[in-house]
Amino acid sequence: MIELTGVTKNYGRMVAVDRLSLTVPRGEIFGFIGPNGAGKTTTIQMIAGLIAPTAGTVKICGVDMGEDPCRAKKTIGFIPDRPYLYEKLTAIEFLKFTADLFGVDPVGFEEKAEAILGLFSLGNWADEIIESFSHGMKQRLIMAAALLHEPEVIVVDEPMVGLDPSAIKMVKELFKALAGKGKTVFMSTHSLHIAQDLCHRIGVIHRGRLLVLGTMAQLKEMARADHADLEELFMILTDSKALGDPRP
């Protein structure tokens, strides 16, 4: 569903992502973790088609993002870490705007919008102006909008920011249900306990390079730490001395 081949992103002399190759299949929840500045958000933005790679290819559901970006983007639901919304619209107006962008059939829109607002506990706020929403409510609305067109791939940057415990539980269950239906979830997060609970596989990126990739069991084997949790594994695996990384 997601295929990155030799993806590189340069900003002048700085290499933000360095020859990243990765495949995430249908029905997988994939966790993408790394220190600040490691290249996580840059990778997310290339997958979502917000920025173009300097080199390499990004394919979503077999569609090359560089060759046919509109078709590729229609298969994606993108949930950023900060909810960018048109705050003078109501929640239902924002969903209608999003539906029109993705070519959602207007027949049945109201029923679908009502259902997804209810799923995210926003049903009573459908006709309220977005600027009156709390940060958590805005985050839930952006998730609802991202899922409205029933995408095959859900790309998420820090999904739990601003959410209360009940909303976090709901989102975790939702991601599991989506994966169970064959959807692919690509999730970047600093919340390592959430990645450990949710993800089938985890990739660790550091200084723009994919260091390790595998299940929790495989990461423990690589780190030689059978009883470690993901936080401990992360510290071990990003230790440049342990990795033999010659760069300072």
Protein backbone atom coordinates (compact mmCIF):
# COMPACT_ATOMS: atom_id res chain seq x y z
CA MET A 1 0.00 0.00 0.00
CA ILE A 2 2.90 2.35 0.80
CA GLU A 3 6.15 1.88 -1.09
CA LEU A 4 9.15 4.17 -0.67
CA THR A 5 12.17 3.53 -2.86
CA GLY A 6 15.42 5.41 -2.31
CA VAL A 7 13.55 8.45 -1.02
CA THR A 8 15.81 11.39 -0.22
CA LYS A 9 14.95 14.95 0.79
CA ASN A 10 17.57 17.68 0.87
CA TYR A 11 17.20 21.22 2.15
CA GLY A 12 20.28 22.85 0.71
CA ARG A 13 23.22 20.94 2.17
CA MET A 14 21.12 19.37 4.90
CA VAL A 15 19.89 15.85 4.24
CA ALA A 16 16.58 15.45 6.07
CA VAL A 17 15.81 11.95 4.72
CA ASP A 18 18.56 9.78 3.30
CA ARG A 19 17.76 7.02 0.76
CA LEU A 20 14.78 5.64 2.64
CA SER A 21 13.29 2.43 1.25
CA LEU A 22 10.28 0.94 2.98
CA THR A 23 7.15 -1.06 2.17
CA VAL A 24 4.04 -1.07 4.38
CA PRO A 25 1.44 -3.64 3.27
CA ARG A 26 -2.34 -3.64 3.42
CA GLY A 27 -3.79 -4.12 6.91
CA GLU A 28 -0.69 -3.10 8.84
CA ILE A 29 -0.37 -0.47 11.56
CA PHE A 30 3.18 0.78 11.12
CA GLY A 31 4.94 2.86 13.75
CA PHE A 32 7.59 5.36 12.69
CA ILE A 33 9.69 6.64 15.57
CA GLY A 34 12.87 8.64 16.04
CA PRO A 35 14.41 11.58 17.89
CA ASN A 36 13.45 15.18 17.14
CA GLY A 37 14.87 16.19 13.77
CA ALA A 38 15.30 12.58 12.64
CA GLY A 39 13.20 13.02 9.48
CA LYS A 40 9.82 11.68 10.63
CA THR A 41 7.66 14.64 9.66
CA THR A 42 9.53 15.14 6.38
CA THR A 43 8.85 11.50 5.50
CA ILE A 44 5.18 11.86 6.48
CA GLN A 45 4.85 14.95 4.27
CA MET A 46 6.37 13.13 1.29
CA ILE A 47 4.04 10.17 1.76
CA ALA A 48 1.05 12.54 1.95
CA GLY A 49 2.20 14.40 -1.16
CA LEU A 50 2.70 17.72 0.63
CA ILE A 51 6.34 17.96 -0.47
CA ALA A 52 8.25 16.22 -3.26
CA PRO A 53 11.35 14.12 -2.63
CA THR A 54 14.67 15.30 -3.99
CA ALA A 55 15.23 11.76 -5.26
CA GLY A 56 13.44 8.42 -5.14
CA THR A 57 9.80 7.44 -5.56
CA VAL A 58 6.72 7.33 -3.35
CA LYS A 59 3.92 4.97 -4.38
CA ILE A 60 0.54 4.78 -2.66
CA CYS A 61 -1.70 1.84 -3.59
CA GLY A 62 0.53 1.32 -6.62
CA VAL A 63 0.19 4.93 -7.81
CA ASP A 64 3.36 6.99 -8.19
CA MET A 65 2.89 10.21 -6.22
CA GLY A 66 5.21 12.08 -8.57
CA GLU A 67 3.42 10.97 -11.74
CA ASP A 68 -0.23 11.13 -10.63
CA PRO A 69 -0.47 13.03 -7.33
CA CYS A 70 -4.24 13.66 -7.46
CA ARG A 71 -5.03 9.96 -7.87
CA ALA A 72 -2.54 8.97 -5.17
CA LYS A 73 -3.83 11.55 -2.69
CA LYS A 74 -7.42 10.37 -3.11
CA THR A 75 -6.43 7.09 -1.46
CA ILE A 76 -4.94 8.85 1.60
CA GLY A 77 -6.44 10.22 4.78
CA PHE A 78 -3.87 12.58 6.31
CA ILE A 79 -4.01 13.53 9.99
CA PRO A 80 -1.38 16.16 10.88
CA ASP A 81 -0.04 16.85 14.35
CA ARG A 82 -1.62 20.31 14.29
CA PRO A 83 -5.24 20.62 13.10
CA TYR A 84 -5.31 23.19 10.30
CA LEU A 85 -8.97 24.11 9.84
CA TYR A 86 -11.10 26.87 8.37
CA GLU A 87 -12.29 28.09 11.72
CA LYS A 88 -15.11 30.32 10.46
CA LEU A 89 -16.89 27.22 9.12
CA THR A 90 -19.07 24.95 11.18
CA ALA A 91 -18.02 21.33 11.65
CA ILE A 92 -20.57 20.10 9.09
CA GLU A 93 -19.51 22.78 6.60
CA PHE A 94 -15.88 21.74 6.96
CA LEU A 95 -16.81 18.11 6.32
CA LYS A 96 -18.80 19.15 3.23
CA PHE A 97 -15.80 21.13 1.99
CA THR A 98 -13.56 18.10 2.51
CA ALA A 99 -16.07 15.77 0.85
CA ASP A 100 -16.18 18.01 -2.24
CA LEU A 101 -12.37 18.05 -2.45
CA PHE A 102 -12.26 14.25 -2.49
CA GLY A 103 -15.22 13.80 -4.80
CA VAL A 104 -17.43 12.09 -2.23
CA ASP A 105 -20.90 11.35 -3.62
CA PRO A 106 -23.23 14.06 -2.27
CA VAL A 107 -26.01 11.50 -2.06
CA GLY A 108 -25.87 10.20 1.49
CA PHE A 109 -23.34 12.82 2.62
CA GLU A 110 -25.43 14.04 5.54
CA GLU A 111 -25.92 10.54 6.89
CA LYS A 112 -22.22 9.75 6.54
CA ALA A 113 -21.16 13.04 8.12
CA GLU A 114 -23.57 12.58 11.01
CA ALA A 115 -22.21 9.09 11.65
CA ILE A 116 -18.57 10.11 11.64
CA LEU A 117 -19.18 13.17 13.83
CA GLY A 118 -20.96 10.88 16.26
CA LEU A 119 -18.03 8.46 16.20
CA PHE A 120 -15.74 11.27 17.33
CA SER A 121 -18.23 12.60 19.92
CA LEU A 122 -18.90 15.74 17.89
CA GLY A 123 -22.50 15.09 16.94
CA ASN A 124 -23.84 17.87 19.16
CA TRP A 125 -21.33 20.31 17.69
CA ALA A 126 -22.10 19.82 13.99
CA ASP A 127 -23.49 23.33 13.51
CA GLU A 128 -21.04 25.14 15.79
CA ILE A 129 -18.26 27.40 14.48
CA ILE A 130 -14.91 25.59 14.65
CA GLU A 131 -13.11 28.51 16.31
CA SER A 132 -15.14 27.75 19.45
CA PHE A 133 -13.72 24.21 19.64
CA SER A 134 -11.04 23.11 22.08
CA HIS A 135 -7.75 21.78 20.69
CA GLY A 136 -8.88 18.21 21.33
CA MET A 137 -12.17 18.78 19.51
CA LYS A 138 -10.30 20.25 16.54
CA GLN A 139 -8.04 17.20 16.48
CA ARG A 140 -11.05 14.90 16.49
CA LEU A 141 -12.66 16.90 13.68
CA ILE A 142 -9.55 16.69 11.50
CA MET A 143 -9.57 12.91 12.05
CA ALA A 144 -13.24 12.73 11.07
CA ALA A 145 -12.51 14.73 7.91
CA ALA A 146 -9.55 12.51 7.03
CA LEU A 147 -11.68 9.37 7.22
CA LEU A 148 -14.78 10.75 5.51
CA HIS A 149 -13.82 9.56 2.01
CA GLU A 150 -12.95 6.08 3.30
CA PRO A 151 -9.25 6.12 2.36
CA GLU A 152 -7.18 2.99 1.90
CA VAL A 153 -4.16 4.54 3.62
CA ILE A 154 -4.25 6.62 6.81
CA VAL A 155 -1.14 8.72 7.42
CA VAL A 156 -0.92 10.11 10.96
CA ASP A 157 1.58 12.48 12.57
CA GLU A 158 1.30 12.38 16.38
CA PRO A 159 -2.33 11.16 16.47
CA MET A 160 -2.95 11.53 20.21
CA VAL A 161 -1.83 15.14 20.72
CA GLY A 162 -4.50 17.04 22.66
CA LEU A 163 -6.79 14.06 23.13
CA ASP A 164 -8.17 13.04 26.51
CA PRO A 165 -7.88 9.40 27.73
CA SER A 166 -11.31 8.35 26.44
CA ALA A 167 -10.58 9.80 22.99
CA ILE A 168 -7.17 8.09 22.92
CA LYS A 169 -8.81 4.76 23.69
CA MET A 170 -11.39 5.33 20.96
CA VAL A 171 -8.73 6.25 18.37
CA LYS A 172 -6.63 3.20 19.23
CA GLU A 173 -9.65 0.94 18.80
CA LEU A 174 -10.53 2.71 15.55
CA PHE A 175 -7.05 2.18 14.08
CA LYS A 176 -7.20 -1.50 14.99
CA ALA A 177 -10.63 -1.80 13.36
CA LEU A 178 -9.43 -0.04 10.20
CA ALA A 179 -6.41 -2.35 9.95
CA GLY A 180 -8.76 -5.29 10.42
CA LYS A 181 -10.65 -4.10 7.34
CA GLY A 182 -7.46 -4.04 5.29
CA LYS A 183 -6.62 -0.36 5.65
CA THR A 184 -3.00 0.67 6.14
CA VAL A 185 -2.07 2.99 9.02
CA PHE A 186 1.30 4.78 8.95
CA MET A 187 1.81 6.48 12.29
CA SER A 188 4.62 8.73 13.47
CA THR A 189 4.65 9.30 17.20
CA HIS A 190 6.74 10.18 20.25
CA SER A 191 4.26 8.25 22.42
CA LEU A 192 6.26 5.03 22.45
CA HIS A 193 3.83 3.15 24.69
CA ILE A 194 1.09 3.77 22.10
CA ALA A 195 3.34 2.55 19.29
CA GLN A 196 4.16 -0.55 21.33
CA ASP A 197 0.48 -1.27 21.99
CA LEU A 198 -0.76 -0.64 18.46
CA CYS A 199 1.85 -1.30 15.82
CA HIS A 200 2.52 -4.55 13.99
CA ARG A 201 5.97 -3.32 13.00
CA ILE A 202 8.09 -0.36 14.00
CA GLY A 203 10.77 1.52 12.09
CA VAL A 204 13.37 3.66 13.84
CA ILE A 205 14.73 6.62 11.88
CA HIS A 206 17.78 8.57 13.02
CA ARG A 207 19.59 11.37 11.19
CA GLY A 208 17.46 10.71 8.13
CA ARG A 209 18.32 7.03 7.89
CA LEU A 210 16.19 4.01 8.69
CA LEU A 211 18.24 2.27 11.37
CA VAL A 212 16.12 -0.75 12.20
CA LEU A 213 12.78 -2.22 11.22
CA GLY A 214 10.77 -5.05 12.70
CA THR A 215 8.27 -6.35 15.21
CA MET A 216 8.79 -5.78 18.92
CA ALA A 217 10.26 -9.27 19.18
CA GLN A 218 12.70 -8.54 16.35
CA LEU A 219 13.72 -5.19 17.85
CA LYS A 220 14.41 -6.89 21.18
CA GLU A 221 16.59 -9.43 19.40
CA MET A 222 18.51 -6.70 17.56
CA ALA A 223 19.07 -4.78 20.79
CA ARG A 224 19.83 -7.96 22.77
CA ALA A 225 17.30 -6.83 25.35
CA ASP A 226 14.67 -9.54 25.78
CA HIS A 227 12.74 -7.81 28.55
CA ALA A 228 12.96 -4.20 27.38
CA ASP A 229 9.94 -2.09 26.49
CA LEU A 230 9.94 0.14 23.41
CA GLU A 231 11.28 3.15 25.31
CA GLU A 232 14.34 1.18 26.45
CA LEU A 233 14.81 -0.29 22.98
CA PHE A 234 14.61 3.16 21.43
CA MET A 235 17.40 4.44 23.68
CA ILE A 236 19.59 1.45 22.86
CA LEU A 237 18.94 1.50 19.11
CA THR A 238 19.54 5.23 18.68
CA ASP A 239 22.85 5.15 20.54
CA SER A 240 25.32 6.12 17.80
CA LYS A 241 28.19 4.32 19.51
CA ALA A 242 26.23 1.09 19.71
CA LEU A 243 25.36 1.42 16.06
CA GLY A 244 28.89 2.17 15.00
CA ASP A 245 27.78 5.44 13.40
CA PRO A 246 30.91 7.39 12.44
CA ARG A 247 29.06 10.71 12.24
CA PRO A 248 29.26 13.09 15.25
